[in-house]
mmCIF file of all heavy atoms, coordinates in Angstrom:
data_MODEL
# 
_entry.id   MODEL 
# 
loop_
_atom_site.group_PDB 
_atom_site.id 
_atom_site.type_symbol 
_atom_site.label_atom_id 
_atom_site.label_alt_id 
_atom_site.label_comp_id 
_atom_site.label_asym_id 
_atom_site.label_entity_id 
_atom_site.label_seq_id 
_atom_site.pdbx_PDB_ins_code 
_atom_site.Cartn_x 
_atom_site.Cartn_y 
_atom_site.Cartn_z 
_atom_site.occupancy 
_atom_site.B_iso_or_equiv 
_atom_site.pdbx_formal_charge 
_atom_site.auth_seq_id 
_atom_site.auth_comp_id 
_atom_site.auth_asym_id 
_atom_site.auth_atom_id 
_atom_site.pdbx_PDB_model_num 
ATOM 1   N N   . GLU A 1 1  ? -8.038  -38.104 -81.550 1.00 0.00 ? 1  GLU A N   1 
ATOM 2   C CA  . GLU A 1 1  ? -8.567  -36.763 -81.772 1.00 0.00 ? 1  GLU A CA  1 
ATOM 3   C C   . GLU A 1 1  ? -8.370  -36.291 -83.207 1.00 0.00 ? 1  GLU A C   1 
ATOM 4   O O   . GLU A 1 1  ? -8.829  -35.206 -83.583 1.00 0.00 ? 1  GLU A O   1 
ATOM 5   C CB  . GLU A 1 1  ? -7.894  -35.762 -80.817 1.00 0.00 ? 1  GLU A CB  1 
ATOM 6   C CG  . GLU A 1 1  ? -8.352  -35.893 -79.381 1.00 0.00 ? 1  GLU A CG  1 
ATOM 7   C CD  . GLU A 1 1  ? -9.835  -35.580 -79.217 1.00 0.00 ? 1  GLU A CD  1 
ATOM 8   O OE1 . GLU A 1 1  ? -10.258 -34.479 -79.618 1.00 0.00 ? 1  GLU A OE1 1 
ATOM 9   O OE2 . GLU A 1 1  ? -10.571 -36.450 -78.712 1.00 0.00 ? 1  GLU A OE2 1 
ATOM 10  N N   . THR A 1 2  ? -7.696  -37.099 -84.026 1.00 0.00 ? 2  THR A N   1 
ATOM 11  C CA  . THR A 1 2  ? -7.448  -36.715 -85.421 1.00 0.00 ? 2  THR A CA  1 
ATOM 12  C C   . THR A 1 2  ? -8.012  -37.710 -86.424 1.00 0.00 ? 2  THR A C   1 
ATOM 13  O O   . THR A 1 2  ? -8.082  -37.421 -87.613 1.00 0.00 ? 2  THR A O   1 
ATOM 14  C CB  . THR A 1 2  ? -5.929  -36.583 -85.683 1.00 0.00 ? 2  THR A CB  1 
ATOM 15  O OG1 . THR A 1 2  ? -5.303  -37.863 -85.489 1.00 0.00 ? 2  THR A OG1 1 
ATOM 16  C CG2 . THR A 1 2  ? -5.308  -35.571 -84.741 1.00 0.00 ? 2  THR A CG2 1 
ATOM 17  N N   . THR A 1 3  ? -8.417  -38.908 -85.965 1.00 0.00 ? 3  THR A N   1 
ATOM 18  C CA  . THR A 1 3  ? -8.930  -39.938 -86.867 1.00 0.00 ? 3  THR A CA  1 
ATOM 19  C C   . THR A 1 3  ? -10.228 -40.507 -86.344 1.00 0.00 ? 3  THR A C   1 
ATOM 20  O O   . THR A 1 3  ? -10.517 -40.449 -85.152 1.00 0.00 ? 3  THR A O   1 
ATOM 21  C CB  . THR A 1 3  ? -7.918  -41.092 -87.023 1.00 0.00 ? 3  THR A CB  1 
ATOM 22  O OG1 . THR A 1 3  ? -7.663  -41.671 -85.731 1.00 0.00 ? 3  THR A OG1 1 
ATOM 23  C CG2 . THR A 1 3  ? -6.622  -40.604 -87.620 1.00 0.00 ? 3  THR A CG2 1 
ATOM 24  N N   . GLY A 1 4  ? -11.030 -41.104 -87.232 1.00 0.00 ? 4  GLY A N   1 
ATOM 25  C CA  . GLY A 1 4  ? -12.279 -41.760 -86.846 1.00 0.00 ? 4  GLY A CA  1 
ATOM 26  C C   . GLY A 1 4  ? -13.355 -40.762 -86.482 1.00 0.00 ? 4  GLY A C   1 
ATOM 27  O O   . GLY A 1 4  ? -13.127 -39.563 -86.346 1.00 0.00 ? 4  GLY A O   1 
ATOM 28  N N   . GLY A 1 5  ? -14.583 -41.258 -86.310 1.00 0.00 ? 5  GLY A N   1 
ATOM 29  C CA  . GLY A 1 5  ? -15.701 -40.404 -85.909 1.00 0.00 ? 5  GLY A CA  1 
ATOM 30  C C   . GLY A 1 5  ? -15.938 -39.303 -86.923 1.00 0.00 ? 5  GLY A C   1 
ATOM 31  O O   . GLY A 1 5  ? -15.891 -39.521 -88.129 1.00 0.00 ? 5  GLY A O   1 
ATOM 32  N N   . SER A 1 6  ? -16.203 -38.098 -86.428 1.00 0.00 ? 6  SER A N   1 
ATOM 33  C CA  . SER A 1 6  ? -16.428 -36.949 -87.302 1.00 0.00 ? 6  SER A CA  1 
ATOM 34  C C   . SER A 1 6  ? -15.069 -36.391 -87.741 1.00 0.00 ? 6  SER A C   1 
ATOM 35  O O   . SER A 1 6  ? -14.525 -35.471 -87.122 1.00 0.00 ? 6  SER A O   1 
ATOM 36  C CB  . SER A 1 6  ? -17.232 -35.868 -86.566 1.00 0.00 ? 6  SER A CB  1 
ATOM 37  O OG  . SER A 1 6  ? -17.405 -34.743 -87.392 1.00 0.00 ? 6  SER A OG  1 
ATOM 38  N N   . SER A 1 7  ? -14.509 -36.961 -88.810 1.00 0.00 ? 7  SER A N   1 
ATOM 39  C CA  . SER A 1 7  ? -13.161 -36.598 -89.232 1.00 0.00 ? 7  SER A CA  1 
ATOM 40  C C   . SER A 1 7  ? -13.064 -35.136 -89.656 1.00 0.00 ? 7  SER A C   1 
ATOM 41  O O   . SER A 1 7  ? -12.020 -34.500 -89.484 1.00 0.00 ? 7  SER A O   1 
ATOM 42  C CB  . SER A 1 7  ? -12.707 -37.505 -90.382 1.00 0.00 ? 7  SER A CB  1 
ATOM 43  O OG  . SER A 1 7  ? -13.616 -37.424 -91.461 1.00 0.00 ? 7  SER A OG  1 
ATOM 44  N N   . VAL A 1 8  ? -14.161 -34.586 -90.214 1.00 0.00 ? 8  VAL A N   1 
ATOM 45  C CA  . VAL A 1 8  ? -14.155 -33.178 -90.621 1.00 0.00 ? 8  VAL A CA  1 
ATOM 46  C C   . VAL A 1 8  ? -13.948 -32.279 -89.415 1.00 0.00 ? 8  VAL A C   1 
ATOM 47  O O   . VAL A 1 8  ? -13.134 -31.359 -89.422 1.00 0.00 ? 8  VAL A O   1 
ATOM 48  C CB  . VAL A 1 8  ? -15.472 -32.811 -91.346 1.00 0.00 ? 8  VAL A CB  1 
ATOM 49  C CG1 . VAL A 1 8  ? -15.507 -31.311 -91.641 1.00 0.00 ? 8  VAL A CG1 1 
ATOM 50  C CG2 . VAL A 1 8  ? -15.615 -33.615 -92.632 1.00 0.00 ? 8  VAL A CG2 1 
ATOM 51  N N   . ARG A 1 9  ? -14.706 -32.556 -88.329 1.00 0.00 ? 9  ARG A N   1 
ATOM 52  C CA  . ARG A 1 9  ? -14.586 -31.758 -87.102 1.00 0.00 ? 9  ARG A CA  1 
ATOM 53  C C   . ARG A 1 9  ? -13.194 -31.899 -86.497 1.00 0.00 ? 9  ARG A C   1 
ATOM 54  O O   . ARG A 1 9  ? -12.605 -30.929 -86.019 1.00 0.00 ? 9  ARG A O   1 
ATOM 55  C CB  . ARG A 1 9  ? -15.647 -32.196 -86.090 1.00 0.00 ? 9  ARG A CB  1 
ATOM 56  C CG  . ARG A 1 9  ? -15.528 -31.532 -84.736 1.00 0.00 ? 9  ARG A CG  1 
ATOM 57  C CD  . ARG A 1 9  ? -16.671 -31.936 -83.824 1.00 0.00 ? 9  ARG A CD  1 
ATOM 58  N NE  . ARG A 1 9  ? -16.725 -33.359 -83.581 1.00 0.00 ? 9  ARG A NE  1 
ATOM 59  C CZ  . ARG A 1 9  ? -16.011 -33.977 -82.643 1.00 0.00 ? 9  ARG A CZ  1 
ATOM 60  N NH1 . ARG A 1 9  ? -15.173 -33.290 -81.884 1.00 0.00 ? 9  ARG A NH1 1 
ATOM 61  N NH2 . ARG A 1 9  ? -16.127 -35.268 -82.453 1.00 0.00 ? 9  ARG A NH2 1 
ATOM 62  N N   . LYS A 1 10 ? -12.663 -33.143 -86.509 1.00 0.00 ? 10 LYS A N   1 
ATOM 63  C CA  . LYS A 1 10 ? -11.355 -33.374 -85.909 1.00 0.00 ? 10 LYS A CA  1 
ATOM 64  C C   . LYS A 1 10 ? -10.251 -32.701 -86.716 1.00 0.00 ? 10 LYS A C   1 
ATOM 65  O O   . LYS A 1 10 ? -9.289  -32.167 -86.144 1.00 0.00 ? 10 LYS A O   1 
ATOM 66  C CB  . LYS A 1 10 ? -11.111 -34.876 -85.773 1.00 0.00 ? 10 LYS A CB  1 
ATOM 67  C CG  . LYS A 1 10 ? -12.026 -35.530 -84.739 1.00 0.00 ? 10 LYS A CG  1 
ATOM 68  C CD  . LYS A 1 10 ? -11.760 -37.007 -84.572 1.00 0.00 ? 10 LYS A CD  1 
ATOM 69  C CE  . LYS A 1 10 ? -12.646 -37.592 -83.467 1.00 0.00 ? 10 LYS A CE  1 
ATOM 70  N NZ  . LYS A 1 10 ? -12.405 -39.030 -83.238 1.00 0.00 ? 10 LYS A NZ  1 
ATOM 71  N N   . GLN A 1 11 ? -10.360 -32.720 -88.037 1.00 0.00 ? 11 GLN A N   1 
ATOM 72  C CA  . GLN A 1 11 ? -9.357  -32.054 -88.859 1.00 0.00 ? 11 GLN A CA  1 
ATOM 73  C C   . GLN A 1 11 ? -9.431  -30.541 -88.699 1.00 0.00 ? 11 GLN A C   1 
ATOM 74  O O   . GLN A 1 11 ? -8.434  -29.842 -88.843 1.00 0.00 ? 11 GLN A O   1 
ATOM 75  C CB  . GLN A 1 11 ? -9.548  -32.446 -90.330 1.00 0.00 ? 11 GLN A CB  1 
ATOM 76  C CG  . GLN A 1 11 ? -9.114  -33.868 -90.642 1.00 0.00 ? 11 GLN A CG  1 
ATOM 77  C CD  . GLN A 1 11 ? -7.675  -34.154 -90.227 1.00 0.00 ? 11 GLN A CD  1 
ATOM 78  O OE1 . GLN A 1 11 ? -6.767  -33.375 -90.501 1.00 0.00 ? 11 GLN A OE1 1 
ATOM 79  N NE2 . GLN A 1 11 ? -7.471  -35.260 -89.528 1.00 0.00 ? 11 GLN A NE2 1 
ATOM 80  N N   . GLU A 1 12 ? -10.633 -30.036 -88.368 1.00 0.00 ? 12 GLU A N   1 
ATOM 81  C CA  . GLU A 1 12 ? -10.787 -28.601 -88.142 1.00 0.00 ? 12 GLU A CA  1 
ATOM 82  C C   . GLU A 1 12 ? -9.914  -28.152 -86.982 1.00 0.00 ? 12 GLU A C   1 
ATOM 83  O O   . GLU A 1 12 ? -9.254  -27.106 -87.045 1.00 0.00 ? 12 GLU A O   1 
ATOM 84  C CB  . GLU A 1 12 ? -12.254 -28.265 -87.853 1.00 0.00 ? 12 GLU A CB  1 
ATOM 85  C CG  . GLU A 1 12 ? -12.501 -26.781 -87.612 1.00 0.00 ? 12 GLU A CG  1 
ATOM 86  C CD  . GLU A 1 12 ? -13.933 -26.465 -87.199 1.00 0.00 ? 12 GLU A CD  1 
ATOM 87  O OE1 . GLU A 1 12 ? -14.773 -27.399 -87.201 1.00 0.00 ? 12 GLU A OE1 1 
ATOM 88  O OE2 . GLU A 1 12 ? -14.204 -25.301 -86.873 1.00 0.00 ? 12 GLU A OE2 1 
ATOM 89  N N   . LEU A 1 13 ? -9.879  -28.946 -85.912 1.00 0.00 ? 13 LEU A N   1 
ATOM 90  C CA  . LEU A 1 13 ? -9.058  -28.593 -84.753 1.00 0.00 ? 13 LEU A CA  1 
ATOM 91  C C   . LEU A 1 13 ? -7.581  -28.590 -85.130 1.00 0.00 ? 13 LEU A C   1 
ATOM 92  O O   . LEU A 1 13 ? -6.839  -27.665 -84.770 1.00 0.00 ? 13 LEU A O   1 
ATOM 93  C CB  . LEU A 1 13 ? -9.322  -29.573 -83.604 1.00 0.00 ? 13 LEU A CB  1 
ATOM 94  C CG  . LEU A 1 13 ? -8.574  -29.247 -82.304 1.00 0.00 ? 13 LEU A CG  1 
ATOM 95  C CD1 . LEU A 1 13 ? -9.487  -29.416 -81.096 1.00 0.00 ? 13 LEU A CD1 1 
ATOM 96  C CD2 . LEU A 1 13 ? -7.349  -30.136 -82.148 1.00 0.00 ? 13 LEU A CD2 1 
ATOM 97  N N   . VAL A 1 14 ? -7.145  -29.611 -85.864 1.00 0.00 ? 14 VAL A N   1 
ATOM 98  C CA  . VAL A 1 14 ? -5.743  -29.695 -86.277 1.00 0.00 ? 14 VAL A CA  1 
ATOM 99  C C   . VAL A 1 14 ? -5.367  -28.510 -87.158 1.00 0.00 ? 14 VAL A C   1 
ATOM 100 O O   . VAL A 1 14 ? -4.299  -27.897 -86.995 1.00 0.00 ? 14 VAL A O   1 
ATOM 101 C CB  . VAL A 1 14 ? -5.485  -31.025 -87.023 1.00 0.00 ? 14 VAL A CB  1 
ATOM 102 C CG1 . VAL A 1 14 ? -4.105  -31.022 -87.672 1.00 0.00 ? 14 VAL A CG1 1 
ATOM 103 C CG2 . VAL A 1 14 ? -5.610  -32.207 -86.064 1.00 0.00 ? 14 VAL A CG2 1 
ATOM 104 N N   . LYS A 1 15 ? -6.250  -28.159 -88.104 1.00 0.00 ? 15 LYS A N   1 
ATOM 105 C CA  . LYS A 1 15 ? -5.976  -27.037 -88.996 1.00 0.00 ? 15 LYS A CA  1 
ATOM 106 C C   . LYS A 1 15 ? -5.889  -25.717 -88.232 1.00 0.00 ? 15 LYS A C   1 
ATOM 107 O O   . LYS A 1 15 ? -5.065  -24.851 -88.551 1.00 0.00 ? 15 LYS A O   1 
ATOM 108 C CB  . LYS A 1 15 ? -7.055  -26.958 -90.077 1.00 0.00 ? 15 LYS A CB  1 
ATOM 109 C CG  . LYS A 1 15 ? -6.972  -28.082 -91.103 1.00 0.00 ? 15 LYS A CG  1 
ATOM 110 C CD  . LYS A 1 15 ? -8.102  -27.999 -92.114 1.00 0.00 ? 15 LYS A CD  1 
ATOM 111 C CE  . LYS A 1 15 ? -8.019  -29.146 -93.121 1.00 0.00 ? 15 LYS A CE  1 
ATOM 112 N NZ  . LYS A 1 15 ? -9.162  -29.118 -94.078 1.00 0.00 ? 15 LYS A NZ  1 
ATOM 113 N N   . GLU A 1 16 ? -6.734  -25.570 -87.211 1.00 0.00 ? 16 GLU A N   1 
ATOM 114 C CA  . GLU A 1 16 ? -6.691  -24.353 -86.392 1.00 0.00 ? 16 GLU A CA  1 
ATOM 115 C C   . GLU A 1 16 ? -5.373  -24.262 -85.630 1.00 0.00 ? 16 GLU A C   1 
ATOM 116 O O   . GLU A 1 16 ? -4.783  -23.185 -85.514 1.00 0.00 ? 16 GLU A O   1 
ATOM 117 C CB  . GLU A 1 16 ? -7.872  -24.327 -85.422 1.00 0.00 ? 16 GLU A CB  1 
ATOM 118 C CG  . GLU A 1 16 ? -9.193  -23.933 -86.045 1.00 0.00 ? 16 GLU A CG  1 
ATOM 119 C CD  . GLU A 1 16 ? -9.202  -22.495 -86.552 1.00 0.00 ? 16 GLU A CD  1 
ATOM 120 O OE1 . GLU A 1 16 ? -8.617  -21.615 -85.894 1.00 0.00 ? 16 GLU A OE1 1 
ATOM 121 O OE2 . GLU A 1 16 ? -9.776  -22.263 -87.634 1.00 0.00 ? 16 GLU A OE2 1 
ATOM 122 N N   . LEU A 1 17 ? -4.902  -25.393 -85.104 1.00 0.00 ? 17 LEU A N   1 
ATOM 123 C CA  . LEU A 1 17 ? -3.611  -25.400 -84.405 1.00 0.00 ? 17 LEU A CA  1 
ATOM 124 C C   . LEU A 1 17 ? -2.495  -25.023 -85.363 1.00 0.00 ? 17 LEU A C   1 
ATOM 125 O O   . LEU A 1 17 ? -1.569  -24.274 -84.998 1.00 0.00 ? 17 LEU A O   1 
ATOM 126 C CB  . LEU A 1 17 ? -3.352  -26.785 -83.800 1.00 0.00 ? 17 LEU A CB  1 
ATOM 127 C CG  . LEU A 1 17 ? -4.241  -27.201 -82.622 1.00 0.00 ? 17 LEU A CG  1 
ATOM 128 C CD1 . LEU A 1 17 ? -3.951  -28.650 -82.219 1.00 0.00 ? 17 LEU A CD1 1 
ATOM 129 C CD2 . LEU A 1 17 ? -4.034  -26.283 -81.418 1.00 0.00 ? 17 LEU A CD2 1 
ATOM 130 N N   . GLN A 1 18 ? -2.563  -25.516 -86.597 1.00 0.00 ? 18 GLN A N   1 
ATOM 131 C CA  . GLN A 1 18 ? -1.549  -25.182 -87.593 1.00 0.00 ? 18 GLN A CA  1 
ATOM 132 C C   . GLN A 1 18 ? -1.600  -23.694 -87.945 1.00 0.00 ? 18 GLN A C   1 
ATOM 133 O O   . GLN A 1 18 ? -0.560  -23.043 -88.066 1.00 0.00 ? 18 GLN A O   1 
ATOM 134 C CB  . GLN A 1 18 ? -1.746  -26.038 -88.847 1.00 0.00 ? 18 GLN A CB  1 
ATOM 135 C CG  . GLN A 1 18 ? -1.422  -27.511 -88.618 1.00 0.00 ? 18 GLN A CG  1 
ATOM 136 C CD  . GLN A 1 18 ? -1.846  -28.403 -89.777 1.00 0.00 ? 18 GLN A CD  1 
ATOM 137 O OE1 . GLN A 1 18 ? -2.719  -28.040 -90.565 1.00 0.00 ? 18 GLN A OE1 1 
ATOM 138 N NE2 . GLN A 1 18 ? -1.231  -29.574 -89.877 1.00 0.00 ? 18 GLN A NE2 1 
ATOM 139 N N   . ARG A 1 19 ? -2.821  -23.153 -88.079 1.00 0.00 ? 19 ARG A N   1 
ATOM 140 C CA  . ARG A 1 19 ? -2.962  -21.724 -88.370 1.00 0.00 ? 19 ARG A CA  1 
ATOM 141 C C   . ARG A 1 19 ? -2.378  -20.869 -87.253 1.00 0.00 ? 19 ARG A C   1 
ATOM 142 O O   . ARG A 1 19 ? -1.843  -19.785 -87.493 1.00 0.00 ? 19 ARG A O   1 
ATOM 143 C CB  . ARG A 1 19 ? -4.440  -21.370 -88.558 1.00 0.00 ? 19 ARG A CB  1 
ATOM 144 C CG  . ARG A 1 19 ? -5.055  -21.862 -89.854 1.00 0.00 ? 19 ARG A CG  1 
ATOM 145 C CD  . ARG A 1 19 ? -6.422  -21.236 -90.084 1.00 0.00 ? 19 ARG A CD  1 
ATOM 146 N NE  . ARG A 1 19 ? -7.174  -21.944 -91.106 1.00 0.00 ? 19 ARG A NE  1 
ATOM 147 C CZ  . ARG A 1 19 ? -8.158  -22.805 -90.869 1.00 0.00 ? 19 ARG A CZ  1 
ATOM 148 N NH1 . ARG A 1 19 ? -8.544  -23.044 -89.626 1.00 0.00 ? 19 ARG A NH1 1 
ATOM 149 N NH2 . ARG A 1 19 ? -8.784  -23.403 -91.865 1.00 0.00 ? 19 ARG A NH2 1 
ATOM 150 N N   . ASN A 1 20 ? -2.508  -21.368 -86.024 1.00 0.00 ? 20 ASN A N   1 
ATOM 151 C CA  . ASN A 1 20 ? -2.013  -20.629 -84.865 1.00 0.00 ? 20 ASN A CA  1 
ATOM 152 C C   . ASN A 1 20 ? -0.521  -20.860 -84.607 1.00 0.00 ? 20 ASN A C   1 
ATOM 153 O O   . ASN A 1 20 ? 0.016   -20.390 -83.605 1.00 0.00 ? 20 ASN A O   1 
ATOM 154 C CB  . ASN A 1 20 ? -2.810  -21.023 -83.615 1.00 0.00 ? 20 ASN A CB  1 
ATOM 155 C CG  . ASN A 1 20 ? -4.274  -20.635 -83.724 1.00 0.00 ? 20 ASN A CG  1 
ATOM 156 O OD1 . ASN A 1 20 ? -4.652  -19.795 -84.541 1.00 0.00 ? 20 ASN A OD1 1 
ATOM 157 N ND2 . ASN A 1 20 ? -5.111  -21.251 -82.888 1.00 0.00 ? 20 ASN A ND2 1 
ATOM 158 N N   . SER A 1 21 ? 0.123   -21.623 -85.511 1.00 0.00 ? 21 SER A N   1 
ATOM 159 C CA  . SER A 1 21 ? 1.575   -21.910 -85.404 1.00 0.00 ? 21 SER A CA  1 
ATOM 160 C C   . SER A 1 21 ? 1.936   -22.617 -84.110 1.00 0.00 ? 21 SER A C   1 
ATOM 161 O O   . SER A 1 21 ? 2.980   -22.342 -83.503 1.00 0.00 ? 21 SER A O   1 
ATOM 162 C CB  . SER A 1 21 ? 2.382   -20.604 -85.545 1.00 0.00 ? 21 SER A CB  1 
ATOM 163 O OG  . SER A 1 21 ? 2.111   -19.972 -86.790 1.00 0.00 ? 21 SER A OG  1 
ATOM 164 N N   . VAL A 1 22 ? 1.061   -23.541 -83.676 1.00 0.00 ? 22 VAL A N   1 
ATOM 165 C CA  . VAL A 1 22 ? 1.317   -24.325 -82.465 1.00 0.00 ? 22 VAL A CA  1 
ATOM 166 C C   . VAL A 1 22 ? 2.132   -25.563 -82.829 1.00 0.00 ? 22 VAL A C   1 
ATOM 167 O O   . VAL A 1 22 ? 1.761   -26.308 -83.745 1.00 0.00 ? 22 VAL A O   1 
ATOM 168 C CB  . VAL A 1 22 ? -0.003  -24.756 -81.790 1.00 0.00 ? 22 VAL A CB  1 
ATOM 169 C CG1 . VAL A 1 22 ? 0.275   -25.689 -80.607 1.00 0.00 ? 22 VAL A CG1 1 
ATOM 170 C CG2 . VAL A 1 22 ? -0.781  -23.532 -81.329 1.00 0.00 ? 22 VAL A CG2 1 
ATOM 171 N N   . THR A 1 23 ? 3.235   -25.770 -82.130 1.00 0.00 ? 23 THR A N   1 
ATOM 172 C CA  . THR A 1 23 ? 4.023   -26.986 -82.324 1.00 0.00 ? 23 THR A CA  1 
ATOM 173 C C   . THR A 1 23 ? 3.320   -28.130 -81.606 1.00 0.00 ? 23 THR A C   1 
ATOM 174 O O   . THR A 1 23 ? 3.162   -28.105 -80.382 1.00 0.00 ? 23 THR A O   1 
ATOM 175 C CB  . THR A 1 23 ? 5.443   -26.811 -81.753 1.00 0.00 ? 23 THR A CB  1 
ATOM 176 O OG1 . THR A 1 23 ? 6.079   -25.702 -82.389 1.00 0.00 ? 23 THR A OG1 1 
ATOM 177 C CG2 . THR A 1 23 ? 6.275   -28.067 -81.974 1.00 0.00 ? 23 THR A CG2 1 
ATOM 178 N N   . PHE A 1 24 ? 2.866   -29.119 -82.379 1.00 0.00 ? 24 PHE A N   1 
ATOM 179 C CA  . PHE A 1 24 ? 2.166   -30.249 -81.745 1.00 0.00 ? 24 PHE A CA  1 
ATOM 180 C C   . PHE A 1 24 ? 2.597   -31.558 -82.390 1.00 0.00 ? 24 PHE A C   1 
ATOM 181 O O   . PHE A 1 24 ? 3.134   -31.599 -83.491 1.00 0.00 ? 24 PHE A O   1 
ATOM 182 C CB  . PHE A 1 24 ? 0.645   -30.079 -81.828 1.00 0.00 ? 24 PHE A CB  1 
ATOM 183 C CG  . PHE A 1 24 ? 0.064   -30.156 -83.210 1.00 0.00 ? 24 PHE A CG  1 
ATOM 184 C CD1 . PHE A 1 24 ? -0.397  -31.365 -83.728 1.00 0.00 ? 24 PHE A CD1 1 
ATOM 185 C CD2 . PHE A 1 24 ? -0.029  -29.022 -84.002 1.00 0.00 ? 24 PHE A CD2 1 
ATOM 186 C CE1 . PHE A 1 24 ? -0.935  -31.432 -84.999 1.00 0.00 ? 24 PHE A CE1 1 
ATOM 187 C CE2 . PHE A 1 24 ? -0.573  -29.074 -85.283 1.00 0.00 ? 24 PHE A CE2 1 
ATOM 188 C CZ  . PHE A 1 24 ? -1.030  -30.289 -85.786 1.00 0.00 ? 24 PHE A CZ  1 
ATOM 189 N N   . ASP A 1 25 ? 2.356   -32.642 -81.658 1.00 0.00 ? 25 ASP A N   1 
ATOM 190 C CA  . ASP A 1 25 ? 2.750   -33.973 -82.104 1.00 0.00 ? 25 ASP A CA  1 
ATOM 191 C C   . ASP A 1 25 ? 1.572   -34.906 -81.880 1.00 0.00 ? 25 ASP A C   1 
ATOM 192 O O   . ASP A 1 25 ? 1.006   -34.943 -80.776 1.00 0.00 ? 25 ASP A O   1 
ATOM 193 C CB  . ASP A 1 25 ? 3.972   -34.444 -81.307 1.00 0.00 ? 25 ASP A CB  1 
ATOM 194 C CG  . ASP A 1 25 ? 4.485   -35.788 -81.786 1.00 0.00 ? 25 ASP A CG  1 
ATOM 195 O OD1 . ASP A 1 25 ? 4.582   -35.965 -83.008 1.00 0.00 ? 25 ASP A OD1 1 
ATOM 196 O OD2 . ASP A 1 25 ? 4.769   -36.650 -80.940 1.00 0.00 ? 25 ASP A OD2 1 
ATOM 197 N N   . VAL A 1 26 ? 1.169   -35.655 -82.901 1.00 0.00 ? 26 VAL A N   1 
ATOM 198 C CA  . VAL A 1 26 ? 0.069   -36.607 -82.775 1.00 0.00 ? 26 VAL A CA  1 
ATOM 199 C C   . VAL A 1 26 ? 0.639   -37.962 -82.379 1.00 0.00 ? 26 VAL A C   1 
ATOM 200 O O   . VAL A 1 26 ? 1.548   -38.479 -83.037 1.00 0.00 ? 26 VAL A O   1 
ATOM 201 C CB  . VAL A 1 26 ? -0.714  -36.726 -84.107 1.00 0.00 ? 26 VAL A CB  1 
ATOM 202 C CG1 . VAL A 1 26 ? -1.819  -37.772 -83.981 1.00 0.00 ? 26 VAL A CG1 1 
ATOM 203 C CG2 . VAL A 1 26 ? -1.306  -35.379 -84.500 1.00 0.00 ? 26 VAL A CG2 1 
ATOM 204 N N   . ARG A 1 27 ? 0.126   -38.516 -81.281 1.00 0.00 ? 27 ARG A N   1 
ATOM 205 C CA  . ARG A 1 27 ? 0.608   -39.814 -80.795 1.00 0.00 ? 27 ARG A CA  1 
ATOM 206 C C   . ARG A 1 27 ? -0.488  -40.501 -79.998 1.00 0.00 ? 27 ARG A C   1 
ATOM 207 O O   . ARG A 1 27 ? -1.503  -39.890 -79.667 1.00 0.00 ? 27 ARG A O   1 
ATOM 208 C CB  . ARG A 1 27 ? 1.852   -39.629 -79.926 1.00 0.00 ? 27 ARG A CB  1 
ATOM 209 C CG  . ARG A 1 27 ? 1.611   -38.799 -78.676 1.00 0.00 ? 27 ARG A CG  1 
ATOM 210 C CD  . ARG A 1 27 ? 2.855   -38.670 -77.810 1.00 0.00 ? 27 ARG A CD  1 
ATOM 211 N NE  . ARG A 1 27 ? 3.853   -37.801 -78.395 1.00 0.00 ? 27 ARG A NE  1 
ATOM 212 C CZ  . ARG A 1 27 ? 5.013   -37.502 -77.811 1.00 0.00 ? 27 ARG A CZ  1 
ATOM 213 N NH1 . ARG A 1 27 ? 5.297   -38.018 -76.627 1.00 0.00 ? 27 ARG A NH1 1 
ATOM 214 N NH2 . ARG A 1 27 ? 5.874   -36.689 -78.388 1.00 0.00 ? 27 ARG A NH2 1 
ATOM 215 N N   . LYS A 1 28 ? -0.275  -41.766 -79.676 1.00 0.00 ? 28 LYS A N   1 
ATOM 216 C CA  . LYS A 1 28 ? -1.236  -42.514 -78.873 1.00 0.00 ? 28 LYS A CA  1 
ATOM 217 C C   . LYS A 1 28 ? -1.056  -42.152 -77.403 1.00 0.00 ? 28 LYS A C   1 
ATOM 218 O O   . LYS A 1 28 ? 0.004   -42.374 -76.813 1.00 0.00 ? 28 LYS A O   1 
ATOM 219 C CB  . LYS A 1 28 ? -1.026  -44.023 -79.069 1.00 0.00 ? 28 LYS A CB  1 
ATOM 220 C CG  . LYS A 1 28 ? -1.874  -44.906 -78.154 1.00 0.00 ? 28 LYS A CG  1 
ATOM 221 C CD  . LYS A 1 28 ? -3.359  -44.716 -78.378 1.00 0.00 ? 28 LYS A CD  1 
ATOM 222 C CE  . LYS A 1 28 ? -4.174  -45.641 -77.484 1.00 0.00 ? 28 LYS A CE  1 
ATOM 223 N NZ  . LYS A 1 28 ? -5.634  -45.365 -77.585 1.00 0.00 ? 28 LYS A NZ  1 
# 
């Protein structure tokens, strides 16, 4: 959900989570 494909769209989701101060962890 953070790499490959439409990377711009996927990074948008990650940036929104960061803006919302959500504690998250990227893993397989």
